[in-house]
ModelCIF file with pLDDT and N, C-alpha, C, O atoms, coordinates in Angstrom:
data_MODEL
#
_entry.id   MODEL 
#
_entity.id                         1 
_entity.type                       polymer 
_entity.pdbx_number_of_molecules   1 
#
_entity_poly.entity_id                      1 
_entity_poly.type                           'polypeptide(L)' 
_entity_poly.nstd_linkage                   no 
_entity_poly.nstd_monomer                   no 
_entity_poly.pdbx_seq_one_letter_code       
;(UNK)(UNK)(UNK)(UNK)(UNK)(UNK)(UNK)(UNK)(UNK)(UNK)(UNK)(UNK)(UNK)(UNK)(UNK)(UNK)
(UNK)(UNK)(UNK)(UNK)(UNK)(UNK)(UNK)(UNK)(UNK)(UNK)(UNK)(UNK)(UNK)(UNK)(UNK)(UNK)
(UNK)(UNK)(UNK)(UNK)(UNK)(UNK)(UNK)(UNK)(UNK)(UNK)(UNK)(UNK)(UNK)(UNK)(UNK)(UNK)
;
_entity_poly.pdbx_seq_one_letter_code_can   XXXXXXXXXXXXXXXXXXXXXXXXXXXXXXXXXXXXXXXXXXXXXXXX 
_entity_poly.pdbx_strand_id                 A 
#
loop_
_entity_poly_seq.entity_id 
_entity_poly_seq.num 
_entity_poly_seq.mon_id 
_entity_poly_seq.hetero 
1 1  UNK n 
1 2  UNK n 
1 3  UNK n 
1 4  UNK n 
1 5  UNK n 
1 6  UNK n 
1 7  UNK n 
1 8  UNK n 
1 9  UNK n 
1 10 UNK n 
1 11 UNK n 
1 12 UNK n 
1 13 UNK n 
1 14 UNK n 
1 15 UNK n 
1 16 UNK n 
1 17 UNK n 
1 18 UNK n 
1 19 UNK n 
1 20 UNK n 
1 21 UNK n 
1 22 UNK n 
1 23 UNK n 
1 24 UNK n 
1 25 UNK n 
1 26 UNK n 
1 27 UNK n 
1 28 UNK n 
1 29 UNK n 
1 30 UNK n 
1 31 UNK n 
1 32 UNK n 
1 33 UNK n 
1 34 UNK n 
1 35 UNK n 
1 36 UNK n 
1 37 UNK n 
1 38 UNK n 
1 39 UNK n 
1 40 UNK n 
1 41 UNK n 
1 42 UNK n 
1 43 UNK n 
1 44 UNK n 
1 45 UNK n 
1 46 UNK n 
1 47 UNK n 
1 48 UNK n 
#
_struct_asym.id          A 
_struct_asym.entity_id   1 
#
loop_
_ma_qa_metric.id 
_ma_qa_metric.mode 
_ma_qa_metric.name 
_ma_qa_metric.software_group_id 
_ma_qa_metric.type 
1 global pLDDT . pLDDT 
2 local  pLDDT . pLDDT 
#
_ma_qa_metric_global.metric_id      1 
_ma_qa_metric_global.metric_value   92.12 
_ma_qa_metric_global.model_id       1 
_ma_qa_metric_global.ordinal_id     1 
#
loop_
_ma_qa_metric_local.label_asym_id 
_ma_qa_metric_local.label_comp_id 
_ma_qa_metric_local.label_seq_id 
_ma_qa_metric_local.metric_id 
_ma_qa_metric_local.metric_value 
_ma_qa_metric_local.model_id 
_ma_qa_metric_local.ordinal_id 
A UNK 1  2 91.00 1 1  
A UNK 2  2 90.00 1 2  
A UNK 3  2 91.00 1 3  
A UNK 4  2 90.00 1 4  
A UNK 5  2 93.00 1 5  
A UNK 6  2 92.00 1 6  
A UNK 7  2 94.00 1 7  
A UNK 8  2 94.00 1 8  
A UNK 9  2 95.00 1 9  
A UNK 10 2 95.00 1 10 
A UNK 11 2 95.00 1 11 
A UNK 12 2 95.00 1 12 
A UNK 13 2 95.00 1 13 
A UNK 14 2 95.00 1 14 
A UNK 15 2 94.00 1 15 
A UNK 16 2 95.00 1 16 
A UNK 17 2 93.00 1 17 
A UNK 18 2 91.00 1 18 
A UNK 19 2 90.00 1 19 
A UNK 20 2 89.00 1 20 
A UNK 21 2 91.00 1 21 
A UNK 22 2 92.00 1 22 
A UNK 23 2 92.00 1 23 
A UNK 24 2 93.00 1 24 
A UNK 25 2 93.00 1 25 
A UNK 26 2 94.00 1 26 
A UNK 27 2 94.00 1 27 
A UNK 28 2 94.00 1 28 
A UNK 29 2 95.00 1 29 
A UNK 30 2 95.00 1 30 
A UNK 31 2 95.00 1 31 
A UNK 32 2 95.00 1 32 
A UNK 33 2 94.00 1 33 
A UNK 34 2 94.00 1 34 
A UNK 35 2 93.00 1 35 
A UNK 36 2 92.00 1 36 
A UNK 37 2 92.00 1 37 
A UNK 38 2 92.00 1 38 
A UNK 39 2 92.00 1 39 
A UNK 40 2 90.00 1 40 
A UNK 41 2 89.00 1 41 
A UNK 42 2 91.00 1 42 
A UNK 43 2 90.00 1 43 
A UNK 44 2 89.00 1 44 
A UNK 45 2 90.00 1 45 
A UNK 46 2 86.00 1 46 
A UNK 47 2 82.00 1 47 
A UNK 48 2 86.00 1 48 
#
loop_
_atom_site.group_PDB 
_atom_site.id 
_atom_site.type_symbol 
_atom_site.label_atom_id 
_atom_site.label_alt_id 
_atom_site.label_comp_id 
_atom_site.label_asym_id 
_atom_site.label_entity_id 
_atom_site.label_seq_id 
_atom_site.pdbx_PDB_ins_code 
_atom_site.Cartn_x 
_atom_site.Cartn_y 
_atom_site.Cartn_z 
_atom_site.occupancy 
_atom_site.B_iso_or_equiv 
_atom_site.pdbx_formal_charge 
_atom_site.auth_seq_id 
_atom_site.auth_comp_id 
_atom_site.auth_asym_id 
_atom_site.auth_atom_id 
_atom_site.pdbx_PDB_model_num 
ATOM 1   N N  . UNK A 1 1  ? 49.473 -9.575  34.237 1.00 91.00 ? 1  UNK A N  1 
ATOM 2   C CA . UNK A 1 1  ? 50.388 -10.076 35.265 1.00 91.00 ? 1  UNK A CA 1 
ATOM 3   C C  . UNK A 1 1  ? 49.603 -10.437 36.533 1.00 91.00 ? 1  UNK A C  1 
ATOM 4   O O  . UNK A 1 1  ? 48.373 -10.382 36.547 1.00 91.00 ? 1  UNK A O  1 
ATOM 5   N N  . UNK A 1 2  ? 50.320 -10.802 37.586 1.00 90.00 ? 2  UNK A N  1 
ATOM 6   C CA . UNK A 1 2  ? 49.665 -11.239 38.828 1.00 90.00 ? 2  UNK A CA 1 
ATOM 7   C C  . UNK A 1 2  ? 48.817 -10.147 39.452 1.00 90.00 ? 2  UNK A C  1 
ATOM 8   O O  . UNK A 1 2  ? 47.860 -10.433 40.170 1.00 90.00 ? 2  UNK A O  1 
ATOM 9   N N  . UNK A 1 3  ? 49.172 -8.866  39.174 1.00 91.00 ? 3  UNK A N  1 
ATOM 10  C CA . UNK A 1 3  ? 48.408 -7.741  39.724 1.00 91.00 ? 3  UNK A CA 1 
ATOM 11  C C  . UNK A 1 3  ? 47.221 -7.354  38.849 1.00 91.00 ? 3  UNK A C  1 
ATOM 12  O O  . UNK A 1 3  ? 46.484 -6.421  39.167 1.00 91.00 ? 3  UNK A O  1 
ATOM 13  N N  . UNK A 1 4  ? 47.042 -8.073  37.750 1.00 90.00 ? 4  UNK A N  1 
ATOM 14  C CA . UNK A 1 4  ? 45.914 -7.792  36.861 1.00 90.00 ? 4  UNK A CA 1 
ATOM 15  C C  . UNK A 1 4  ? 46.204 -6.732  35.819 1.00 90.00 ? 4  UNK A C  1 
ATOM 16  O O  . UNK A 1 4  ? 45.299 -6.319  35.094 1.00 90.00 ? 4  UNK A O  1 
ATOM 17  N N  . UNK A 1 5  ? 47.463 -6.276  35.727 1.00 93.00 ? 5  UNK A N  1 
ATOM 18  C CA . UNK A 1 5  ? 47.825 -5.248  34.748 1.00 93.00 ? 5  UNK A CA 1 
ATOM 19  C C  . UNK A 1 5  ? 48.037 -5.891  33.377 1.00 93.00 ? 5  UNK A C  1 
ATOM 20  O O  . UNK A 1 5  ? 48.611 -6.974  33.264 1.00 93.00 ? 5  UNK A O  1 
ATOM 21  N N  . UNK A 1 6  ? 47.561 -5.199  32.338 1.00 92.00 ? 6  UNK A N  1 
ATOM 22  C CA . UNK A 1 6  ? 47.760 -5.673  30.968 1.00 92.00 ? 6  UNK A CA 1 
ATOM 23  C C  . UNK A 1 6  ? 49.160 -5.273  30.507 1.00 92.00 ? 6  UNK A C  1 
ATOM 24  O O  . UNK A 1 6  ? 49.516 -4.095  30.539 1.00 92.00 ? 6  UNK A O  1 
ATOM 25  N N  . UNK A 1 7  ? 49.945 -6.252  30.079 1.00 94.00 ? 7  UNK A N  1 
ATOM 26  C CA . UNK A 1 7  ? 51.283 -6.005  29.569 1.00 94.00 ? 7  UNK A CA 1 
ATOM 27  C C  . UNK A 1 7  ? 51.398 -6.644  28.182 1.00 94.00 ? 7  UNK A C  1 
ATOM 28  O O  . UNK A 1 7  ? 50.787 -7.675  27.896 1.00 94.00 ? 7  UNK A O  1 
ATOM 29  N N  . UNK A 1 8  ? 52.189 -6.007  27.344 1.00 94.00 ? 8  UNK A N  1 
ATOM 30  C CA . UNK A 1 8  ? 52.357 -6.512  25.973 1.00 94.00 ? 8  UNK A CA 1 
ATOM 31  C C  . UNK A 1 8  ? 53.702 -7.212  25.879 1.00 94.00 ? 8  UNK A C  1 
ATOM 32  O O  . UNK A 1 8  ? 54.742 -6.594  26.107 1.00 94.00 ? 8  UNK A O  1 
ATOM 33  N N  . UNK A 1 9  ? 53.689 -8.502  25.544 1.00 95.00 ? 9  UNK A N  1 
ATOM 34  C CA . UNK A 1 9  ? 54.894 -9.322  25.521 1.00 95.00 ? 9  UNK A CA 1 
ATOM 35  C C  . UNK A 1 9  ? 55.272 -9.733  24.101 1.00 95.00 ? 9  UNK A C  1 
ATOM 36  O O  . UNK A 1 9  ? 54.420 -10.038 23.266 1.00 95.00 ? 9  UNK A O  1 
ATOM 37  N N  . UNK A 1 10 ? 56.575 -9.730  23.861 1.00 95.00 ? 10 UNK A N  1 
ATOM 38  C CA . UNK A 1 10 ? 57.132 -10.342 22.659 1.00 95.00 ? 10 UNK A CA 1 
ATOM 39  C C  . UNK A 1 10 ? 57.790 -11.646 23.098 1.00 95.00 ? 10 UNK A C  1 
ATOM 40  O O  . UNK A 1 10 ? 58.794 -11.630 23.809 1.00 95.00 ? 10 UNK A O  1 
ATOM 41  N N  . UNK A 1 11 ? 57.224 -12.774 22.674 1.00 95.00 ? 11 UNK A N  1 
ATOM 42  C CA . UNK A 1 11 ? 57.628 -14.088 23.180 1.00 95.00 ? 11 UNK A CA 1 
ATOM 43  C C  . UNK A 1 11 ? 58.343 -14.880 22.088 1.00 95.00 ? 11 UNK A C  1 
ATOM 44  O O  . UNK A 1 11 ? 57.882 -14.949 20.948 1.00 95.00 ? 11 UNK A O  1 
ATOM 45  N N  . UNK A 1 12 ? 59.465 -15.470 22.452 1.00 95.00 ? 12 UNK A N  1 
ATOM 46  C CA . UNK A 1 12 ? 60.228 -16.326 21.538 1.00 95.00 ? 12 UNK A CA 1 
ATOM 47  C C  . UNK A 1 12 ? 60.383 -17.709 22.170 1.00 95.00 ? 12 UNK A C  1 
ATOM 48  O O  . UNK A 1 12 ? 60.741 -17.827 23.342 1.00 95.00 ? 12 UNK A O  1 
ATOM 49  N N  . UNK A 1 13 ? 60.113 -18.752 21.388 1.00 95.00 ? 13 UNK A N  1 
ATOM 50  C CA . UNK A 1 13 ? 60.237 -20.129 21.883 1.00 95.00 ? 13 UNK A CA 1 
ATOM 51  C C  . UNK A 1 13 ? 61.175 -20.883 20.947 1.00 95.00 ? 13 UNK A C  1 
ATOM 52  O O  . UNK A 1 13 ? 60.904 -21.027 19.755 1.00 95.00 ? 13 UNK A O  1 
ATOM 53  N N  . UNK A 1 14 ? 62.296 -21.366 21.516 1.00 95.00 ? 14 UNK A N  1 
ATOM 54  C CA . UNK A 1 14 ? 63.359 -21.984 20.726 1.00 95.00 ? 14 UNK A CA 1 
ATOM 55  C C  . UNK A 1 14 ? 63.501 -23.452 21.112 1.00 95.00 ? 14 UNK A C  1 
ATOM 56  O O  . UNK A 1 14 ? 63.799 -23.754 22.268 1.00 95.00 ? 14 UNK A O  1 
ATOM 57  N N  . UNK A 1 15 ? 63.295 -24.369 20.171 1.00 94.00 ? 15 UNK A N  1 
ATOM 58  C CA . UNK A 1 15 ? 63.426 -25.804 20.493 1.00 94.00 ? 15 UNK A CA 1 
ATOM 59  C C  . UNK A 1 15 ? 64.892 -26.251 20.503 1.00 94.00 ? 15 UNK A C  1 
ATOM 60  O O  . UNK A 1 15 ? 65.683 -25.823 19.662 1.00 94.00 ? 15 UNK A O  1 
ATOM 61  N N  . UNK A 1 16 ? 65.237 -27.096 21.440 1.00 95.00 ? 16 UNK A N  1 
ATOM 62  C CA . UNK A 1 16 ? 66.559 -27.730 21.479 1.00 95.00 ? 16 UNK A CA 1 
ATOM 63  C C  . UNK A 1 16 ? 66.375 -29.186 21.074 1.00 95.00 ? 16 UNK A C  1 
ATOM 64  O O  . UNK A 1 16 ? 65.671 -29.938 21.747 1.00 95.00 ? 16 UNK A O  1 
ATOM 65  N N  . UNK A 1 17 ? 67.010 -29.582 19.973 1.00 93.00 ? 17 UNK A N  1 
ATOM 66  C CA . UNK A 1 17 ? 66.832 -30.932 19.444 1.00 93.00 ? 17 UNK A CA 1 
ATOM 67  C C  . UNK A 1 17 ? 67.922 -31.863 19.972 1.00 93.00 ? 17 UNK A C  1 
ATOM 68  O O  . UNK A 1 17 ? 69.067 -31.449 20.158 1.00 93.00 ? 17 UNK A O  1 
ATOM 69  N N  . UNK A 1 18 ? 67.557 -33.124 20.212 1.00 91.00 ? 18 UNK A N  1 
ATOM 70  C CA . UNK A 1 18 ? 68.544 -34.111 20.647 1.00 91.00 ? 18 UNK A CA 1 
ATOM 71  C C  . UNK A 1 18 ? 69.219 -34.729 19.423 1.00 91.00 ? 18 UNK A C  1 
ATOM 72  O O  . UNK A 1 18 ? 68.962 -34.317 18.292 1.00 91.00 ? 18 UNK A O  1 
ATOM 73  N N  . UNK A 1 19 ? 70.065 -35.698 19.649 1.00 90.00 ? 19 UNK A N  1 
ATOM 74  C CA . UNK A 1 19 ? 70.846 -36.304 18.570 1.00 90.00 ? 19 UNK A CA 1 
ATOM 75  C C  . UNK A 1 19 ? 69.983 -37.057 17.571 1.00 90.00 ? 19 UNK A C  1 
ATOM 76  O O  . UNK A 1 19 ? 70.423 -37.337 16.456 1.00 90.00 ? 19 UNK A O  1 
ATOM 77  N N  . UNK A 1 20 ? 68.763 -37.383 17.960 1.00 89.00 ? 20 UNK A N  1 
ATOM 78  C CA . UNK A 1 20 ? 67.849 -38.086 17.059 1.00 89.00 ? 20 UNK A CA 1 
ATOM 79  C C  . UNK A 1 20 ? 66.916 -37.134 16.303 1.00 89.00 ? 20 UNK A C  1 
ATOM 80  O O  . UNK A 1 20 ? 66.073 -37.574 15.521 1.00 89.00 ? 20 UNK A O  1 
ATOM 81  N N  . UNK A 1 21 ? 67.074 -35.814 16.543 1.00 91.00 ? 21 UNK A N  1 
ATOM 82  C CA . UNK A 1 21 ? 66.242 -34.829 15.855 1.00 91.00 ? 21 UNK A CA 1 
ATOM 83  C C  . UNK A 1 21 ? 64.919 -34.562 16.526 1.00 91.00 ? 21 UNK A C  1 
ATOM 84  O O  . UNK A 1 21 ? 64.088 -33.836 15.980 1.00 91.00 ? 21 UNK A O  1 
ATOM 85  N N  . UNK A 1 22 ? 64.701 -35.129 17.698 1.00 92.00 ? 22 UNK A N  1 
ATOM 86  C CA . UNK A 1 22 ? 63.464 -34.870 18.441 1.00 92.00 ? 22 UNK A CA 1 
ATOM 87  C C  . UNK A 1 22 ? 63.670 -33.681 19.380 1.00 92.00 ? 22 UNK A C  1 
ATOM 88  O O  . UNK A 1 22 ? 64.798 -33.385 19.774 1.00 92.00 ? 22 UNK A O  1 
ATOM 89  N N  . UNK A 1 23 ? 62.568 -32.997 19.739 1.00 92.00 ? 23 UNK A N  1 
ATOM 90  C CA . UNK A 1 23 ? 62.650 -31.853 20.646 1.00 92.00 ? 23 UNK A CA 1 
ATOM 91  C C  . UNK A 1 23 ? 62.879 -32.360 22.067 1.00 92.00 ? 23 UNK A C  1 
ATOM 92  O O  . UNK A 1 23 ? 62.037 -33.060 22.629 1.00 92.00 ? 23 UNK A O  1 
ATOM 93  N N  . UNK A 1 24 ? 64.015 -32.004 22.634 1.00 93.00 ? 24 UNK A N  1 
ATOM 94  C CA . UNK A 1 24 ? 64.344 -32.406 24.000 1.00 93.00 ? 24 UNK A CA 1 
ATOM 95  C C  . UNK A 1 24 ? 63.713 -31.455 25.008 1.00 93.00 ? 24 UNK A C  1 
ATOM 96  O O  . UNK A 1 24 ? 63.156 -31.885 26.018 1.00 93.00 ? 24 UNK A O  1 
ATOM 97  N N  . UNK A 1 25 ? 63.806 -30.175 24.727 1.00 93.00 ? 25 UNK A N  1 
ATOM 98  C CA . UNK A 1 25 ? 63.145 -29.161 25.555 1.00 93.00 ? 25 UNK A CA 1 
ATOM 99  C C  . UNK A 1 25 ? 63.050 -27.865 24.745 1.00 93.00 ? 25 UNK A C  1 
ATOM 100 O O  . UNK A 1 25 ? 63.666 -27.743 23.686 1.00 93.00 ? 25 UNK A O  1 
ATOM 101 N N  . UNK A 1 26 ? 62.274 -26.898 25.247 1.00 94.00 ? 26 UNK A N  1 
ATOM 102 C CA . UNK A 1 26 ? 62.071 -25.607 24.575 1.00 94.00 ? 26 UNK A CA 1 
ATOM 103 C C  . UNK A 1 26 ? 62.407 -24.487 25.550 1.00 94.00 ? 26 UNK A C  1 
ATOM 104 O O  . UNK A 1 26 ? 61.867 -24.424 26.654 1.00 94.00 ? 26 UNK A O  1 
ATOM 105 N N  . UNK A 1 27 ? 63.303 -23.607 25.127 1.00 94.00 ? 27 UNK A N  1 
ATOM 106 C CA . UNK A 1 27 ? 63.633 -22.410 25.908 1.00 94.00 ? 27 UNK A CA 1 
ATOM 107 C C  . UNK A 1 27 ? 62.699 -21.279 25.480 1.00 94.00 ? 27 UNK A C  1 
ATOM 108 O O  . UNK A 1 27 ? 62.588 -20.962 24.296 1.00 94.00 ? 27 UNK A O  1 
ATOM 109 N N  . UNK A 1 28 ? 62.040 -20.686 26.451 1.00 94.00 ? 28 UNK A N  1 
ATOM 110 C CA . UNK A 1 28 ? 61.083 -19.609 26.170 1.00 94.00 ? 28 UNK A CA 1 
ATOM 111 C C  . UNK A 1 28 ? 61.553 -18.312 26.823 1.00 94.00 ? 28 UNK A C  1 
ATOM 112 O O  . UNK A 1 28 ? 62.110 -18.330 27.921 1.00 94.00 ? 28 UNK A O  1 
ATOM 113 N N  . UNK A 1 29 ? 61.328 -17.183 26.143 1.00 95.00 ? 29 UNK A N  1 
ATOM 114 C CA . UNK A 1 29 ? 61.649 -15.876 26.715 1.00 95.00 ? 29 UNK A CA 1 
ATOM 115 C C  . UNK A 1 29 ? 60.561 -14.880 26.354 1.00 95.00 ? 29 UNK A C  1 
ATOM 116 O O  . UNK A 1 29 ? 59.933 -14.981 25.300 1.00 95.00 ? 29 UNK A O  1 
ATOM 117 N N  . UNK A 1 30 ? 60.348 -13.915 27.242 1.00 95.00 ? 30 UNK A N  1 
ATOM 118 C CA . UNK A 1 30 ? 59.329 -12.887 27.011 1.00 95.00 ? 30 UNK A CA 1 
ATOM 119 C C  . UNK A 1 30 ? 59.913 -11.519 27.336 1.00 95.00 ? 30 UNK A C  1 
ATOM 120 O O  . UNK A 1 30 ? 60.387 -11.281 28.447 1.00 95.00 ? 30 UNK A O  1 
ATOM 121 N N  . UNK A 1 31 ? 59.875 -10.627 26.359 1.00 95.00 ? 31 UNK A N  1 
ATOM 122 C CA . UNK A 1 31 ? 60.292 -9.240  26.565 1.00 95.00 ? 31 UNK A CA 1 
ATOM 123 C C  . UNK A 1 31 ? 59.040 -8.389  26.756 1.00 95.00 ? 31 UNK A C  1 
ATOM 124 O O  . UNK A 1 31 ? 58.109 -8.461  25.955 1.00 95.00 ? 31 UNK A O  1 
ATOM 125 N N  . UNK A 1 32 ? 59.020 -7.591  27.809 1.00 95.00 ? 32 UNK A N  1 
ATOM 126 C CA . UNK A 1 32 ? 57.895 -6.690  28.056 1.00 95.00 ? 32 UNK A CA 1 
ATOM 127 C C  . UNK A 1 32 ? 58.097 -5.432  27.215 1.00 95.00 ? 32 UNK A C  1 
ATOM 128 O O  . UNK A 1 32 ? 58.956 -4.607  27.528 1.00 95.00 ? 32 UNK A O  1 
ATOM 129 N N  . UNK A 1 33 ? 57.308 -5.283  26.144 1.00 94.00 ? 33 UNK A N  1 
ATOM 130 C CA . UNK A 1 33 ? 57.443 -4.128  25.241 1.00 94.00 ? 33 UNK A CA 1 
ATOM 131 C C  . UNK A 1 33 ? 56.188 -3.258  25.303 1.00 94.00 ? 33 UNK A C  1 
ATOM 132 O O  . UNK A 1 33 ? 55.778 -2.647  24.316 1.00 94.00 ? 33 UNK A O  1 
ATOM 133 N N  . UNK A 1 34 ? 55.591 -3.225  26.504 1.00 94.00 ? 34 UNK A N  1 
ATOM 134 C CA . UNK A 1 34 ? 54.342 -2.466  26.676 1.00 94.00 ? 34 UNK A CA 1 
ATOM 135 C C  . UNK A 1 34 ? 54.524 -0.990  26.330 1.00 94.00 ? 34 UNK A C  1 
ATOM 136 O O  . UNK A 1 34 ? 53.713 -0.420  25.600 1.00 94.00 ? 34 UNK A O  1 
ATOM 137 N N  . UNK A 1 35 ? 55.584 -0.368  26.851 1.00 93.00 ? 35 UNK A N  1 
ATOM 138 C CA . UNK A 1 35 ? 55.781 1.063   26.605 1.00 93.00 ? 35 UNK A CA 1 
ATOM 139 C C  . UNK A 1 35 ? 56.019 1.335   25.130 1.00 93.00 ? 35 UNK A C  1 
ATOM 140 O O  . UNK A 1 35 ? 55.542 2.334   24.592 1.00 93.00 ? 35 UNK A O  1 
ATOM 141 N N  . UNK A 1 36 ? 56.756 0.447   24.479 1.00 92.00 ? 36 UNK A N  1 
ATOM 142 C CA . UNK A 1 36 ? 56.982 0.594   23.037 1.00 92.00 ? 36 UNK A CA 1 
ATOM 143 C C  . UNK A 1 36 ? 55.654 0.499   22.279 1.00 92.00 ? 36 UNK A C  1 
ATOM 144 O O  . UNK A 1 36 ? 55.399 1.264   21.349 1.00 92.00 ? 36 UNK A O  1 
ATOM 145 N N  . UNK A 1 37 ? 54.815 -0.454  22.697 1.00 92.00 ? 37 UNK A N  1 
ATOM 146 C CA . UNK A 1 37 ? 53.519 -0.631  22.032 1.00 92.00 ? 37 UNK A CA 1 
ATOM 147 C C  . UNK A 1 37 ? 52.638 0.596   22.235 1.00 92.00 ? 37 UNK A C  1 
ATOM 148 O O  . UNK A 1 37 ? 51.955 1.034   21.309 1.00 92.00 ? 37 UNK A O  1 
ATOM 149 N N  . UNK A 1 38 ? 52.651 1.156   23.454 1.00 92.00 ? 38 UNK A N  1 
ATOM 150 C CA . UNK A 1 38 ? 51.857 2.356   23.720 1.00 92.00 ? 38 UNK A CA 1 
ATOM 151 C C  . UNK A 1 38 ? 52.355 3.528   22.883 1.00 92.00 ? 38 UNK A C  1 
ATOM 152 O O  . UNK A 1 38 ? 51.566 4.313   22.356 1.00 92.00 ? 38 UNK A O  1 
ATOM 153 N N  . UNK A 1 39 ? 53.699 3.635   22.768 1.00 92.00 ? 39 UNK A N  1 
ATOM 154 C CA . UNK A 1 39 ? 54.281 4.712   21.955 1.00 92.00 ? 39 UNK A CA 1 
ATOM 155 C C  . UNK A 1 39 ? 53.884 4.555   20.488 1.00 92.00 ? 39 UNK A C  1 
ATOM 156 O O  . UNK A 1 39 ? 53.574 5.534   19.809 1.00 92.00 ? 39 UNK A O  1 
ATOM 157 N N  . UNK A 1 40 ? 53.899 3.307   20.007 1.00 90.00 ? 40 UNK A N  1 
ATOM 158 C CA . UNK A 1 40 ? 53.490 3.044   18.624 1.00 90.00 ? 40 UNK A CA 1 
ATOM 159 C C  . UNK A 1 40 ? 52.025 3.416   18.414 1.00 90.00 ? 40 UNK A C  1 
ATOM 160 O O  . UNK A 1 40 ? 51.658 3.961   17.373 1.00 90.00 ? 40 UNK A O  1 
ATOM 161 N N  . UNK A 1 41 ? 51.193 3.117   19.408 1.00 89.00 ? 41 UNK A N  1 
ATOM 162 C CA . UNK A 1 41 ? 49.771 3.450   19.306 1.00 89.00 ? 41 UNK A CA 1 
ATOM 163 C C  . UNK A 1 41 ? 49.575 4.964   19.216 1.00 89.00 ? 41 UNK A C  1 
ATOM 164 O O  . UNK A 1 41 ? 48.753 5.449   18.439 1.00 89.00 ? 41 UNK A O  1 
ATOM 165 N N  . UNK A 1 42 ? 50.340 5.704   20.023 1.00 91.00 ? 42 UNK A N  1 
ATOM 166 C CA . UNK A 1 42 ? 50.253 7.165   19.971 1.00 91.00 ? 42 UNK A CA 1 
ATOM 167 C C  . UNK A 1 42 ? 50.725 7.693   18.625 1.00 91.00 ? 42 UNK A C  1 
ATOM 168 O O  . UNK A 1 42 ? 50.108 8.588   18.047 1.00 91.00 ? 42 UNK A O  1 
ATOM 169 N N  . UNK A 1 43 ? 51.831 7.128   18.128 1.00 90.00 ? 43 UNK A N  1 
ATOM 170 C CA . UNK A 1 43 ? 52.337 7.548   16.818 1.00 90.00 ? 43 UNK A CA 1 
ATOM 171 C C  . UNK A 1 43 ? 51.314 7.271   15.723 1.00 90.00 ? 43 UNK A C  1 
ATOM 172 O O  . UNK A 1 43 ? 51.136 8.076   14.810 1.00 90.00 ? 43 UNK A O  1 
ATOM 173 N N  . UNK A 1 44 ? 50.643 6.123   15.822 1.00 89.00 ? 44 UNK A N  1 
ATOM 174 C CA . UNK A 1 44 ? 49.607 5.796   14.839 1.00 89.00 ? 44 UNK A CA 1 
ATOM 175 C C  . UNK A 1 44 ? 48.452 6.785   14.912 1.00 89.00 ? 44 UNK A C  1 
ATOM 176 O O  . UNK A 1 44 ? 47.890 7.173   13.888 1.00 89.00 ? 44 UNK A O  1 
ATOM 177 N N  . UNK A 1 45 ? 48.098 7.194   16.146 1.00 90.00 ? 45 UNK A N  1 
ATOM 178 C CA . UNK A 1 45 ? 47.038 8.192   16.305 1.00 90.00 ? 45 UNK A CA 1 
ATOM 179 C C  . UNK A 1 45 ? 47.452 9.515   15.681 1.00 90.00 ? 45 UNK A C  1 
ATOM 180 O O  . UNK A 1 45 ? 46.672 10.150  14.972 1.00 90.00 ? 45 UNK A O  1 
ATOM 181 N N  . UNK A 1 46 ? 48.703 9.928   15.956 1.00 86.00 ? 46 UNK A N  1 
ATOM 182 C CA . UNK A 1 46 ? 49.205 11.172  15.361 1.00 86.00 ? 46 UNK A CA 1 
ATOM 183 C C  . UNK A 1 46 ? 49.221 11.062  13.833 1.00 86.00 ? 46 UNK A C  1 
ATOM 184 O O  . UNK A 1 46 ? 48.860 12.003  13.125 1.00 86.00 ? 46 UNK A O  1 
ATOM 185 N N  . UNK A 1 47 ? 49.652 9.881   13.336 1.00 82.00 ? 47 UNK A N  1 
ATOM 186 C CA . UNK A 1 47 ? 49.728 9.679   11.885 1.00 82.00 ? 47 UNK A CA 1 
ATOM 187 C C  . UNK A 1 47 ? 48.340 9.759   11.254 1.00 82.00 ? 47 UNK A C  1 
ATOM 188 O O  . UNK A 1 47 ? 48.174 10.330  10.176 1.00 82.00 ? 47 UNK A O  1 
ATOM 189 N N  . UNK A 1 48 ? 47.348 9.184   11.928 1.00 86.00 ? 48 UNK A N  1 
ATOM 190 C CA . UNK A 1 48 ? 45.979 9.234   11.412 1.00 86.00 ? 48 UNK A CA 1 
ATOM 191 C C  . UNK A 1 48 ? 45.457 10.666  11.384 1.00 86.00 ? 48 UNK A C  1 
ATOM 192 O O  . UNK A 1 48 ? 44.319 10.900  10.978 1.00 86.00 ? 48 UNK A O  1 
#
């Protein structure tokens, strides 16, 4: 991010097609799942 912190994002990009089937624009979204990823990493360590 702008502060230099590493964050883990789940990003989805959805195209919106016009009447001719061409991409008119793309809606993008990003969910910050950093804490979930860290928890998964810990669980993997415990599992190992």
